[in-house]
PDB file of all heavy atoms in Angstrom:
ATOM      1  N   LEU A   1      25.068  20.847  -2.952  1.00  0.00           N
ATOM      2  CA  LEU A   1      25.972  20.084  -2.325  1.00  0.00           C
ATOM      3  C   LEU A   1      27.144  19.644  -3.372  1.00  0.00           C
ATOM      4  O   LEU A   1      28.281  19.643  -2.873  1.00  0.00           O
ATOM      5  CB  LEU A   1      25.400  18.656  -1.814  1.00  0.00           C
ATOM      6  CG  LEU A   1      26.206  17.760  -1.116  1.00  0.00           C
ATOM      7  CD1 LEU A   1      26.719  18.372   0.239  1.00  0.00           C
ATOM      8  CD2 LEU A   1      25.386  16.442  -0.560  1.00  0.00           C
ATOM      9  N   ALA A   2      26.703  19.457  -4.612  1.00  0.00           N
ATOM     10  CA  ALA A   2      27.780  19.035  -5.565  1.00  0.00           C
ATOM     11  C   ALA A   2      28.789  20.090  -5.784  1.00  0.00           C
ATOM     12  O   ALA A   2      30.010  19.785  -6.062  1.00  0.00           O
ATOM     13  CB  ALA A   2      27.081  18.784  -6.959  1.00  0.00           C
ATOM     14  N   ALA A   3      28.414  21.356  -5.623  1.00  0.00           N
ATOM     15  CA  ALA A   3      29.390  22.522  -5.761  1.00  0.00           C
ATOM     16  C   ALA A   3      30.059  22.923  -4.338  1.00  0.00           C
ATOM     17  O   ALA A   3      30.849  23.674  -4.278  1.00  0.00           O
ATOM     18  CB  ALA A   3      28.704  23.735  -6.226  1.00  0.00           C
ATOM     19  N   PHE A   4      29.663  22.193  -3.170  1.00  0.00           N
ATOM     20  CA  PHE A   4      30.306  22.482  -1.908  1.00  0.00           C
ATOM     21  C   PHE A   4      31.691  21.996  -1.747  1.00  0.00           C
ATOM     22  O   PHE A   4      31.874  20.810  -2.117  1.00  0.00           O
ATOM     23  CB  PHE A   4      29.351  21.863  -0.852  1.00  0.00           C
ATOM     24  CG  PHE A   4      29.657  22.267   0.655  1.00  0.00           C
ATOM     25  CD1 PHE A   4      29.742  23.615   1.008  1.00  0.00           C
ATOM     26  CD2 PHE A   4      29.942  21.217   1.527  1.00  0.00           C
ATOM     27  CE1 PHE A   4      30.043  23.917   2.134  1.00  0.00           C
ATOM     28  CE2 PHE A   4      30.225  21.547   2.831  1.00  0.00           C
ATOM     29  CZ  PHE A   4      30.314  22.927   3.187  1.00  0.00           C
ATOM     30  N   PRO A   5      32.677  22.822  -1.447  1.00  0.00           N
ATOM     31  CA  PRO A   5      34.072  22.363  -1.343  1.00  0.00           C
ATOM     32  C   PRO A   5      34.348  21.237  -0.568  1.00  0.00           C
ATOM     33  O   PRO A   5      35.235  20.406  -0.707  1.00  0.00           O
ATOM     34  CB  PRO A   5      34.831  23.633  -0.818  1.00  0.00           C
ATOM     35  CG  PRO A   5      33.939  24.679  -1.206  1.00  0.00           C
ATOM     36  CD  PRO A   5      32.474  24.165  -1.135  1.00  0.00           C
ATOM     37  N   HIS A   6      33.614  21.027   0.483  1.00  0.00           N
ATOM     38  CA  HIS A   6      33.732  19.941   1.465  1.00  0.00           C
ATOM     39  C   HIS A   6      32.669  18.796   1.355  1.00  0.00           C
ATOM     40  O   HIS A   6      32.479  18.052   2.323  1.00  0.00           O
ATOM     41  CB  HIS A   6      33.724  20.494   2.893  1.00  0.00           C
ATOM     42  CG  HIS A   6      34.610  21.737   3.170  1.00  0.00           C
ATOM     43  ND1 HIS A   6      36.007  21.704   3.153  1.00  0.00           N
ATOM     44  CD2 HIS A   6      34.242  23.055   3.217  1.00  0.00           C
ATOM     45  CE1 HIS A   6      36.456  22.887   3.366  1.00  0.00           C
ATOM     46  NE2 HIS A   6      35.360  23.753   3.298  1.00  0.00           N
ATOM     47  N   ARG A   7      32.331  18.633   0.118  1.00  0.00           N
ATOM     48  CA  ARG A   7      31.219  17.658  -0.102  1.00  0.00           C
ATOM     49  C   ARG A   7      31.726  16.213   0.306  1.00  0.00           C
ATOM     50  O   ARG A   7      30.867  15.406   0.816  1.00  0.00           O
ATOM     51  CB  ARG A   7      31.055  17.489  -1.641  1.00  0.00           C
ATOM     52  CG  ARG A   7      30.195  16.248  -2.222  1.00  0.00           C
ATOM     53  CD  ARG A   7      28.866  16.328  -1.658  1.00  0.00           C
ATOM     54  NE  ARG A   7      28.015  15.208  -1.989  1.00  0.00           N
ATOM     55  CZ  ARG A   7      27.893  14.071  -1.267  1.00  0.00           C
ATOM     56  NH1 ARG A   7      28.531  14.017  -0.093  1.00  0.00           N
ATOM     57  NH2 ARG A   7      27.218  13.017  -1.602  1.00  0.00           N
ATOM     58  N   ASP A   8      32.940  15.899   0.320  1.00  0.00           N
ATOM     59  CA  ASP A   8      33.442  14.521   0.511  1.00  0.00           C
ATOM     60  C   ASP A   8      33.280  14.163   2.112  1.00  0.00           C
ATOM     61  O   ASP A   8      33.350  13.077   2.385  1.00  0.00           O
ATOM     62  CB  ASP A   8      34.836  14.382   0.106  1.00  0.00           C
ATOM     63  CG  ASP A   8      35.017  14.332  -1.366  1.00  0.00           C
ATOM     64  OD1 ASP A   8      33.841  14.080  -2.027  1.00  0.00           O
ATOM     65  OD2 ASP A   8      36.156  14.465  -1.951  1.00  0.00           O
ATOM     66  N   VAL A   9      33.188  15.162   2.756  1.00  0.00           N
ATOM     67  CA  VAL A   9      33.019  14.922   4.300  1.00  0.00           C
ATOM     68  C   VAL A   9      31.558  15.238   4.833  1.00  0.00           C
ATOM     69  O   VAL A   9      31.411  15.590   6.001  1.00  0.00           O
ATOM     70  CB  VAL A   9      34.044  15.631   5.010  1.00  0.00           C
ATOM     71  CG1 VAL A   9      35.457  14.973   4.857  1.00  0.00           C
ATOM     72  CG2 VAL A   9      34.119  17.169   4.766  1.00  0.00           C
ATOM     73  N   VAL A  10      30.645  15.282   3.885  1.00  0.00           N
ATOM     74  CA  VAL A  10      29.257  15.644   4.292  1.00  0.00           C
ATOM     75  C   VAL A  10      28.429  14.237   4.308  1.00  0.00           C
ATOM     76  O   VAL A  10      28.549  13.663   3.154  1.00  0.00           O
ATOM     77  CB  VAL A  10      28.533  16.683   3.542  1.00  0.00           C
ATOM     78  CG1 VAL A  10      27.077  16.915   3.817  1.00  0.00           C
ATOM     79  CG2 VAL A  10      29.307  17.913   3.628  1.00  0.00           C
ATOM     80  N   GLU A  11      27.899  13.904   5.409  1.00  0.00           N
ATOM     81  CA  GLU A  11      27.106  12.673   5.441  1.00  0.00           C
ATOM     82  C   GLU A  11      25.624  13.116   5.305  1.00  0.00           C
ATOM     83  O   GLU A  11      25.190  13.909   6.115  1.00  0.00           O
ATOM     84  CB  GLU A  11      27.348  11.952   6.672  1.00  0.00           C
ATOM     85  CG  GLU A  11      26.463  10.676   6.855  1.00  0.00           C
ATOM     86  CD  GLU A  11      26.458  10.084   8.312  1.00  0.00           C
ATOM     87  OE1 GLU A  11      26.984  10.790   9.243  1.00  0.00           O
ATOM     88  OE2 GLU A  11      25.930   8.954   8.459  1.00  0.00           O
ATOM     89  N   VAL A  12      24.835  12.475   4.400  1.00  0.00           N
ATOM     90  CA  VAL A  12      23.525  12.764   4.219  1.00  0.00           C
ATOM     91  C   VAL A  12      22.747  11.494   4.679  1.00  0.00           C
ATOM     92  O   VAL A  12      22.889  10.461   4.211  1.00  0.00           O
ATOM     93  CB  VAL A  12      23.190  13.037   2.590  1.00  0.00           C
ATOM     94  CG1 VAL A  12      21.589  13.308   2.495  1.00  0.00           C
ATOM     95  CG2 VAL A  12      23.915  14.313   2.182  1.00  0.00           C
ATOM     96  N   VAL A  13      21.851  11.837   5.643  1.00  0.00           N
ATOM     97  CA  VAL A  13      20.934  10.770   6.082  1.00  0.00           C
ATOM     98  C   VAL A  13      19.434  11.252   5.883  1.00  0.00           C
ATOM     99  O   VAL A  13      19.124  12.315   6.168  1.00  0.00           O
ATOM    100  CB  VAL A  13      21.179  10.676   7.613  1.00  0.00           C
ATOM    101  CG1 VAL A  13      20.265   9.532   8.156  1.00  0.00           C
ATOM    102  CG2 VAL A  13      22.604  10.250   7.886  1.00  0.00           C
ATOM    103  N   HIS A  14      18.704  10.302   5.357  1.00  0.00           N
ATOM    104  CA  HIS A  14      17.205  10.570   5.038  1.00  0.00           C
ATOM    105  C   HIS A  14      16.390   9.986   6.262  1.00  0.00           C
ATOM    106  O   HIS A  14      16.649   8.851   6.721  1.00  0.00           O
ATOM    107  CB  HIS A  14      16.927   9.795   3.789  1.00  0.00           C
ATOM    108  CG  HIS A  14      17.518  10.268   2.606  1.00  0.00           C
ATOM    109  ND1 HIS A  14      17.126  11.488   1.941  1.00  0.00           N
ATOM    110  CD2 HIS A  14      18.616   9.945   1.879  1.00  0.00           C
ATOM    111  CE1 HIS A  14      17.958  11.834   0.927  1.00  0.00           C
ATOM    112  NE2 HIS A  14      18.881  10.878   0.898  1.00  0.00           N
ATOM    113  N   ARG A  15      15.594  10.739   6.715  1.00  0.00           N
ATOM    114  CA  ARG A  15      14.657  10.508   7.860  1.00  0.00           C
ATOM    115  C   ARG A  15      13.301  10.398   7.524  1.00  0.00           C
ATOM    116  O   ARG A  15      12.774  10.964   6.506  1.00  0.00           O
ATOM    117  CB  ARG A  15      14.890  11.623   8.941  1.00  0.00           C
ATOM    118  CG  ARG A  15      16.210  11.724   9.532  1.00  0.00           C
ATOM    119  CD  ARG A  15      16.646  10.585  10.235  1.00  0.00           C
ATOM    120  NE  ARG A  15      18.005  10.949  11.076  1.00  0.00           N
ATOM    121  CZ  ARG A  15      18.658  10.074  11.710  1.00  0.00           C
ATOM    122  NH1 ARG A  15      18.314   8.789  11.787  1.00  0.00           N
ATOM    123  NH2 ARG A  15      19.670  10.364  12.187  1.00  0.00           N
ATOM    124  N   SER A  16      12.493   9.679   8.156  1.00  0.00           N
ATOM    125  CA  SER A  16      11.106   9.374   7.916  1.00  0.00           C
ATOM    126  C   SER A  16      10.059  10.442   8.426  1.00  0.00           C
ATOM    127  O   SER A  16      10.250  10.992   9.480  1.00  0.00           O
ATOM    128  CB  SER A  16      10.720   7.958   8.418  1.00  0.00           C
ATOM    129  OG  SER A  16      11.446   7.009   8.033  1.00  0.00           O
ATOM    130  N   PHE A  17       9.066  10.748   7.535  1.00  0.00           N
ATOM    131  CA  PHE A  17       8.053  11.689   7.905  1.00  0.00           C
ATOM    132  C   PHE A  17       6.899  11.261   6.904  1.00  0.00           C
ATOM    133  O   PHE A  17       7.056  11.339   5.689  1.00  0.00           O
ATOM    134  CB  PHE A  17       8.470  13.177   7.504  1.00  0.00           C
ATOM    135  CG  PHE A  17       7.524  14.063   8.051  1.00  0.00           C
ATOM    136  CD1 PHE A  17       7.735  14.862   9.153  1.00  0.00           C
ATOM    137  CD2 PHE A  17       6.348  14.370   7.382  1.00  0.00           C
ATOM    138  CE1 PHE A  17       6.840  15.885   9.640  1.00  0.00           C
ATOM    139  CE2 PHE A  17       5.342  15.286   7.859  1.00  0.00           C
ATOM    140  CZ  PHE A  17       5.737  16.090   8.990  1.00  0.00           C
ATOM    141  N   GLU A  18       5.741  10.949   7.440  1.00  0.00           N
ATOM    142  CA  GLU A  18       4.584  10.569   6.598  1.00  0.00           C
ATOM    143  C   GLU A  18       3.644  11.699   6.630  1.00  0.00           C
ATOM    144  O   GLU A  18       3.300  12.248   7.614  1.00  0.00           O
ATOM    145  CB  GLU A  18       3.890   9.290   7.322  1.00  0.00           C
ATOM    146  CG  GLU A  18       4.687   8.000   7.396  1.00  0.00           C
ATOM    147  CD  GLU A  18       3.881   6.992   8.167  1.00  0.00           C
ATOM    148  OE1 GLU A  18       4.021   6.973   9.368  1.00  0.00           O
ATOM    149  OE2 GLU A  18       3.110   6.306   7.621  1.00  0.00           O
ATOM    150  N   LEU A  19       3.316  12.082   5.424  1.00  0.00           N
ATOM    151  CA  LEU A  19       2.366  13.182   5.379  1.00  0.00           C
ATOM    152  C   LEU A  19       1.000  12.957   5.803  1.00  0.00           C
ATOM    153  O   LEU A  19       0.273  13.646   6.200  1.00  0.00           O
ATOM    154  CB  LEU A  19       2.340  13.517   3.773  1.00  0.00           C
ATOM    155  CG  LEU A  19       3.517  14.227   3.232  1.00  0.00           C
ATOM    156  CD1 LEU A  19       3.334  14.502   1.709  1.00  0.00           C
ATOM    157  CD2 LEU A  19       3.933  15.563   3.961  1.00  0.00           C
ATOM    158  N   ASP A  20       0.644  11.417   5.635  1.00  0.00           N
ATOM    159  CA  ASP A  20      -0.746  11.061   6.086  1.00  0.00           C
ATOM    160  C   ASP A  20      -0.589   9.735   6.768  1.00  0.00           C
ATOM    161  O   ASP A  20      -0.717   8.760   6.320  1.00  0.00           O
ATOM    162  CB  ASP A  20      -1.472  10.856   4.847  1.00  0.00           C
ATOM    163  CG  ASP A  20      -3.024  10.598   5.118  1.00  0.00           C
ATOM    164  OD1 ASP A  20      -3.359  10.568   6.427  1.00  0.00           O
ATOM    165  OD2 ASP A  20      -3.949  10.600   4.290  1.00  0.00           O
ATOM    166  N   PRO A  21      -0.013   9.846   8.113  1.00  0.00           N
ATOM    167  CA  PRO A  21       0.303   8.623   8.803  1.00  0.00           C
ATOM    168  C   PRO A  21      -0.859   7.659   9.227  1.00  0.00           C
ATOM    169  O   PRO A  21      -0.809   6.530   9.484  1.00  0.00           O
ATOM    170  CB  PRO A  21       0.977   9.102  10.007  1.00  0.00           C
ATOM    171  CG  PRO A  21       0.485  10.419  10.288  1.00  0.00           C
ATOM    172  CD  PRO A  21       0.310  11.052   8.840  1.00  0.00           C
ATOM    173  N   GLY A  22      -2.142   8.348   9.064  1.00  0.00           N
ATOM    174  CA  GLY A  22      -3.266   7.613   9.437  1.00  0.00           C
ATOM    175  C   GLY A  22      -3.975   6.898   8.233  1.00  0.00           C
ATOM    176  O   GLY A  22      -4.943   6.260   8.379  1.00  0.00           O
ATOM    177  N   ARG A  23      -3.324   7.017   7.058  1.00  0.00           N
ATOM    178  CA  ARG A  23      -3.896   6.383   5.967  1.00  0.00           C
ATOM    179  C   ARG A  23      -3.851   4.982   5.933  1.00  0.00           C
ATOM    180  O   ARG A  23      -2.838   4.267   6.230  1.00  0.00           O
ATOM    181  CB  ARG A  23      -3.374   6.958   4.644  1.00  0.00           C
ATOM    182  CG  ARG A  23      -3.769   6.360   3.265  1.00  0.00           C
ATOM    183  CD  ARG A  23      -2.937   6.808   2.113  1.00  0.00           C
ATOM    184  NE  ARG A  23      -3.062   8.154   1.865  1.00  0.00           N
ATOM    185  CZ  ARG A  23      -3.990   8.643   1.109  1.00  0.00           C
ATOM    186  NH1 ARG A  23      -4.847   7.904   0.460  1.00  0.00           N
ATOM    187  NH2 ARG A  23      -3.989  10.021   0.775  1.00  0.00           N
ATOM    188  N   ALA A  24      -5.016   4.257   5.645  1.00  0.00           N
ATOM    189  CA  ALA A  24      -4.918   2.846   5.560  1.00  0.00           C
ATOM    190  C   ALA A  24      -4.096   2.264   4.447  1.00  0.00           C
ATOM    191  O   ALA A  24      -3.922   2.934   3.431  1.00  0.00           O
ATOM    192  CB  ALA A  24      -6.412   2.263   5.380  1.00  0.00           C
ATOM    193  N   LYS A  25      -3.472   1.037   4.612  1.00  0.00           N
ATOM    194  CA  LYS A  25      -2.465   0.563   3.680  1.00  0.00           C
ATOM    195  C   LYS A  25      -3.145   0.381   2.366  1.00  0.00           C
ATOM    196  O   LYS A  25      -2.514   0.514   1.377  1.00  0.00           O
ATOM    197  CB  LYS A  25      -2.020  -0.808   4.205  1.00  0.00           C
ATOM    198  CG  LYS A  25      -0.744  -1.322   3.458  1.00  0.00           C
ATOM    199  CD  LYS A  25      -0.067  -2.412   4.150  1.00  0.00           C
ATOM    200  CE  LYS A  25       1.037  -2.884   3.367  1.00  0.00           C
ATOM    201  NZ  LYS A  25       1.863  -4.069   3.973  1.00  0.00           N
ATOM    202  N   ASP A  26      -4.417   0.028   2.325  1.00  0.00           N
ATOM    203  CA  ASP A  26      -5.030  -0.187   1.049  1.00  0.00           C
ATOM    204  C   ASP A  26      -5.824   0.970   0.483  1.00  0.00           C
ATOM    205  O   ASP A  26      -6.593   0.923  -0.486  1.00  0.00           O
ATOM    206  CB  ASP A  26      -6.113  -1.346   1.213  1.00  0.00           C
ATOM    207  CG  ASP A  26      -6.944  -1.186   2.170  1.00  0.00           C
ATOM    208  OD1 ASP A  26      -7.023  -0.118   2.828  1.00  0.00           O
ATOM    209  OD2 ASP A  26      -8.080  -1.949   2.305  1.00  0.00           O
ATOM    210  N   ASP A  27      -5.621   2.212   1.063  1.00  0.00           N
ATOM    211  CA  ASP A  27      -6.345   3.381   0.520  1.00  0.00           C
ATOM    212  C   ASP A  27      -5.412   4.077  -0.446  1.00  0.00           C
ATOM    213  O   ASP A  27      -4.552   4.804  -0.098  1.00  0.00           O
ATOM    214  CB  ASP A  27      -6.554   4.276   1.819  1.00  0.00           C
ATOM    215  CG  ASP A  27      -7.210   5.576   1.480  1.00  0.00           C
ATOM    216  OD1 ASP A  27      -7.724   5.677   0.291  1.00  0.00           O
ATOM    217  OD2 ASP A  27      -7.324   6.497   2.306  1.00  0.00           O
ATOM    218  N   VAL A  28      -5.739   3.913  -1.652  1.00  0.00           N
ATOM    219  CA  VAL A  28      -4.991   4.401  -2.742  1.00  0.00           C
ATOM    220  C   VAL A  28      -5.893   5.369  -3.433  1.00  0.00           C
ATOM    221  O   VAL A  28      -7.111   4.909  -3.867  1.00  0.00           O
ATOM    222  CB  VAL A  28      -4.357   3.355  -3.748  1.00  0.00           C
ATOM    223  CG1 VAL A  28      -3.631   4.087  -4.835  1.00  0.00           C
ATOM    224  CG2 VAL A  28      -3.396   2.482  -2.914  1.00  0.00           C
ATOM    225  N   GLN A  29      -5.552   6.633  -3.728  1.00  0.00           N
ATOM    226  CA  GLN A  29      -6.396   7.642  -4.433  1.00  0.00           C
ATOM    227  C   GLN A  29      -5.658   8.243  -5.431  1.00  0.00           C
ATOM    228  O   GLN A  29      -4.465   8.503  -5.434  1.00  0.00           O
ATOM    229  CB  GLN A  29      -6.977   8.635  -3.511  1.00  0.00           C
ATOM    230  CG  GLN A  29      -7.747   8.135  -2.210  1.00  0.00           C
ATOM    231  CD  GLN A  29      -8.096   9.378  -1.286  1.00  0.00           C
ATOM    232  OE1 GLN A  29      -8.335  10.392  -1.691  1.00  0.00           O
ATOM    233  NE2 GLN A  29      -7.980   9.140   0.048  1.00  0.00           N
ATOM    234  N   PRO A  30      -6.412   8.626  -6.589  1.00  0.00           N
ATOM    235  CA  PRO A  30      -5.789   9.673  -7.483  1.00  0.00           C
ATOM    236  C   PRO A  30      -5.392  10.925  -6.768  1.00  0.00           C
ATOM    237  O   PRO A  30      -5.976  11.408  -5.875  1.00  0.00           O
ATOM    238  CB  PRO A  30      -7.022   9.898  -8.401  1.00  0.00           C
ATOM    239  CG  PRO A  30      -7.930   8.818  -8.235  1.00  0.00           C
ATOM    240  CD  PRO A  30      -7.823   8.351  -6.868  1.00  0.00           C
ATOM    241  N   VAL A  31      -4.278  11.398  -7.209  1.00  0.00           N
ATOM    242  CA  VAL A  31      -3.703  12.699  -6.608  1.00  0.00           C
ATOM    243  C   VAL A  31      -4.774  13.822  -6.644  1.00  0.00           C
ATOM    244  O   VAL A  31      -4.852  14.544  -5.657  1.00  0.00           O
ATOM    245  CB  VAL A  31      -2.376  12.951  -7.176  1.00  0.00           C
ATOM    246  CG1 VAL A  31      -1.924  14.517  -6.847  1.00  0.00           C
ATOM    247  CG2 VAL A  31      -1.287  12.145  -6.963  1.00  0.00           C
ATOM    248  N   LEU A  32      -5.333  14.009  -7.751  1.00  0.00           N
ATOM    249  CA  LEU A  32      -6.267  15.194  -7.879  1.00  0.00           C
ATOM    250  C   LEU A  32      -7.455  14.947  -6.906  1.00  0.00           C
ATOM    251  O   LEU A  32      -7.883  15.951  -6.273  1.00  0.00           O
ATOM    252  CB  LEU A  32      -6.745  15.352  -9.246  1.00  0.00           C
ATOM    253  CG  LEU A  32      -5.869  15.653 -10.342  1.00  0.00           C
ATOM    254  CD1 LEU A  32      -6.525  15.895 -11.710  1.00  0.00           C
ATOM    255  CD2 LEU A  32      -4.994  16.786  -9.956  1.00  0.00           C
ATOM    256  N   ALA A  33      -7.997  13.726  -6.673  1.00  0.00           N
ATOM    257  CA  ALA A  33      -8.937  13.578  -5.713  1.00  0.00           C
ATOM    258  C   ALA A  33      -8.590  13.763  -4.310  1.00  0.00           C
ATOM    259  O   ALA A  33      -9.329  14.397  -3.509  1.00  0.00           O
ATOM    260  CB  ALA A  33      -9.538  12.062  -5.850  1.00  0.00           C
ATOM    261  N   MET A  34      -7.351  13.430  -3.916  1.00  0.00           N
ATOM    262  CA  MET A  34      -6.847  13.575  -2.692  1.00  0.00           C
ATOM    263  C   MET A  34      -6.649  15.070  -2.315  1.00  0.00           C
ATOM    264  O   MET A  34      -6.860  15.560  -1.287  1.00  0.00           O
ATOM    265  CB  MET A  34      -5.481  12.915  -2.539  1.00  0.00           C
ATOM    266  CG  MET A  34      -4.609  13.103  -1.164  1.00  0.00           C
ATOM    267  SD  MET A  34      -3.782  14.499  -1.120  1.00  0.00           S
ATOM    268  CE  MET A  34      -2.411  14.266  -2.283  1.00  0.00           C
TER     269      MET A  34
END
């Protein structure tokens, strides 16, 4: 995008996607264990 000639007229919007939407809020695990 930084090298794109029309960068100034490109709108970037971030959308939501949960990899694990069923995970409990207090369920925190080491990455390797997960």
